[in-house]
């Protein structure tokens, strides 16, 4: 942080972190919050997608057997 402050001085420092670093952290945090549901669904599909597809096929087969 000292090197960063040396090259890019600023008057806004909070907890020894420059204001522009806080701005970047805030923007990244807001992006993660904004797209968290989409990230969750993507992660869920990557991990459990095949199992959900097989479960849907089993339910369809069970309904077909019940109808017979």
C-alpha atoms as a PDB file:
ATOM      1  CA  UNK A   1       0.000   0.000   0.000  1.00  0.00           C
ATOM      2  CA  UNK A   2       2.883   2.344   0.729  1.00  0.00           C
ATOM      3  CA  UNK A   3       4.241   1.895  -2.794  1.00  0.00           C
ATOM      4  CA  UNK A   4       0.786   2.458  -4.244  1.00  0.00           C
ATOM      5  CA  UNK A   5       0.332   5.620  -2.210  1.00  0.00           C
ATOM      6  CA  UNK A   6       3.781   6.811  -3.256  1.00  0.00           C
ATOM      7  CA  UNK A   7       2.992   6.492  -6.977  1.00  0.00           C
ATOM      8  CA  UNK A   8      -0.669   7.535  -6.744  1.00  0.00           C
ATOM      9  CA  UNK A   9      -1.052   9.892  -3.801  1.00  0.00           C
ATOM     10  CA  UNK A  10      -4.518  10.662  -2.458  1.00  0.00           C
ATOM     11  CA  UNK A  11      -6.054  12.544   0.433  1.00  0.00           C
ATOM     12  CA  UNK A  12      -8.673   9.864   1.055  1.00  0.00           C
ATOM     13  CA  UNK A  13      -7.211   7.069   3.166  1.00  0.00           C
ATOM     14  CA  UNK A  14      -9.310   4.806   5.379  1.00  0.00           C
ATOM     15  CA  UNK A  15      -7.669   2.082   7.475  1.00  0.00           C
ATOM     16  CA  UNK A  16      -4.414   2.731   5.584  1.00  0.00           C
ATOM     17  CA  UNK A  17      -6.103   1.847   2.272  1.00  0.00           C
ATOM     18  CA  UNK A  18      -6.406   4.537  -0.422  1.00  0.00           C
ATOM     19  CA  UNK A  19      -9.841   5.716  -1.489  1.00  0.00           C
ATOM     20  CA  UNK A  20      -9.465   4.500  -5.071  1.00  0.00           C
ATOM     21  CA  UNK A  21      -8.739   0.966  -3.821  1.00  0.00           C
ATOM     22  CA  UNK A  22     -11.918   1.146  -1.733  1.00  0.00           C
ATOM     23  CA  UNK A  23     -13.788   2.260  -4.863  1.00  0.00           C
ATOM     24  CA  UNK A  24     -12.509  -0.747  -6.828  1.00  0.00           C
ATOM     25  CA  UNK A  25     -13.383  -3.106  -3.958  1.00  0.00           C
ATOM     26  CA  UNK A  26     -16.878  -1.611  -3.740  1.00  0.00           C
ATOM     27  CA  UNK A  27     -17.484  -1.960  -7.489  1.00  0.00           C
ATOM     28  CA  UNK A  28     -16.320  -5.583  -7.480  1.00  0.00           C
ATOM     29  CA  UNK A  29     -18.496  -6.331  -4.452  1.00  0.00           C
ATOM     30  CA  UNK A  30     -21.554  -4.792  -6.119  1.00  0.00           C
ATOM     31  CA  UNK A  31     -20.933  -6.809  -9.290  1.00  0.00           C
ATOM     32  CA  UNK A  32     -20.736 -10.041  -7.305  1.00  0.00           C
ATOM     33  CA  UNK A  33     -23.908  -9.150  -5.404  1.00  0.00           C
ATOM     34  CA  UNK A  34     -25.718  -8.226  -8.632  1.00  0.00           C
ATOM     35  CA  UNK A  35     -24.847 -11.481 -10.392  1.00  0.00           C
ATOM     36  CA  UNK A  36     -24.794 -13.793  -7.371  1.00  0.00           C
ATOM     37  CA  UNK A  37     -28.025 -15.592  -8.324  1.00  0.00           C
ATOM     38  CA  UNK A  38     -26.758 -16.285 -11.841  1.00  0.00           C
ATOM     39  CA  UNK A  39     -23.412 -17.463 -10.445  1.00  0.00           C
ATOM     40  CA  UNK A  40     -25.245 -19.720  -7.997  1.00  0.00           C
ATOM     41  CA  UNK A  41     -27.381 -21.274 -10.739  1.00  0.00           C
ATOM     42  CA  UNK A  42     -24.340 -21.777 -12.971  1.00  0.00           C
ATOM     43  CA  UNK A  43     -22.425 -23.449 -10.151  1.00  0.00           C
ATOM     44  CA  UNK A  44     -25.408 -25.622  -9.255  1.00  0.00           C
ATOM     45  CA  UNK A  45     -25.829 -26.683 -12.876  1.00  0.00           C
ATOM     46  CA  UNK A  46     -22.139 -27.498 -13.225  1.00  0.00           C
ATOM     47  CA  UNK A  47     -22.064 -29.622 -10.084  1.00  0.00           C
ATOM     48  CA  UNK A  48     -25.518 -31.251 -10.043  1.00  0.00           C
ATOM     49  CA  UNK A  49     -26.775 -30.776 -13.616  1.00  0.00           C
ATOM     50  CA  UNK A  50     -26.414 -34.409 -14.652  1.00  0.00           C
ATOM     51  CA  UNK A  51     -28.123 -35.697 -11.496  1.00  0.00           C
ATOM     52  CA  UNK A  52     -31.077 -33.316 -11.965  1.00  0.00           C
ATOM     53  CA  UNK A  53     -31.453 -34.454 -15.578  1.00  0.00           C
ATOM     54  CA  UNK A  54     -31.431 -38.134 -14.543  1.00  0.00           C
ATOM     55  CA  UNK A  55     -33.946 -37.395 -11.781  1.00  0.00           C
ATOM     56  CA  UNK A  56     -36.296 -35.721 -14.256  1.00  0.00           C
ATOM     57  CA  UNK A  57     -35.988 -38.742 -16.568  1.00  0.00           C
ATOM     58  CA  UNK A  58     -36.796 -41.092 -13.673  1.00  0.00           C
ATOM     59  CA  UNK A  59     -39.848 -39.050 -12.712  1.00  0.00           C
ATOM     60  CA  UNK A  60     -41.040 -39.070 -16.330  1.00  0.00           C
ATOM     61  CA  UNK A  61     -40.582 -42.856 -16.515  1.00  0.00           C
ATOM     62  CA  UNK A  62     -42.428 -43.355 -13.218  1.00  0.00           C
ATOM     63  CA  UNK A  63     -45.353 -41.247 -14.441  1.00  0.00           C
ATOM     64  CA  UNK A  64     -45.458 -43.253 -17.672  1.00  0.00           C
ATOM     65  CA  UNK A  65     -45.514 -46.533 -15.701  1.00  0.00           C
ATOM     66  CA  UNK A  66     -48.244 -45.203 -13.417  1.00  0.00           C
ATOM     67  CA  UNK A  67     -50.381 -44.248 -16.418  1.00  0.00           C
ATOM     68  CA  UNK A  68     -50.237 -47.786 -17.793  1.00  0.00           C
END
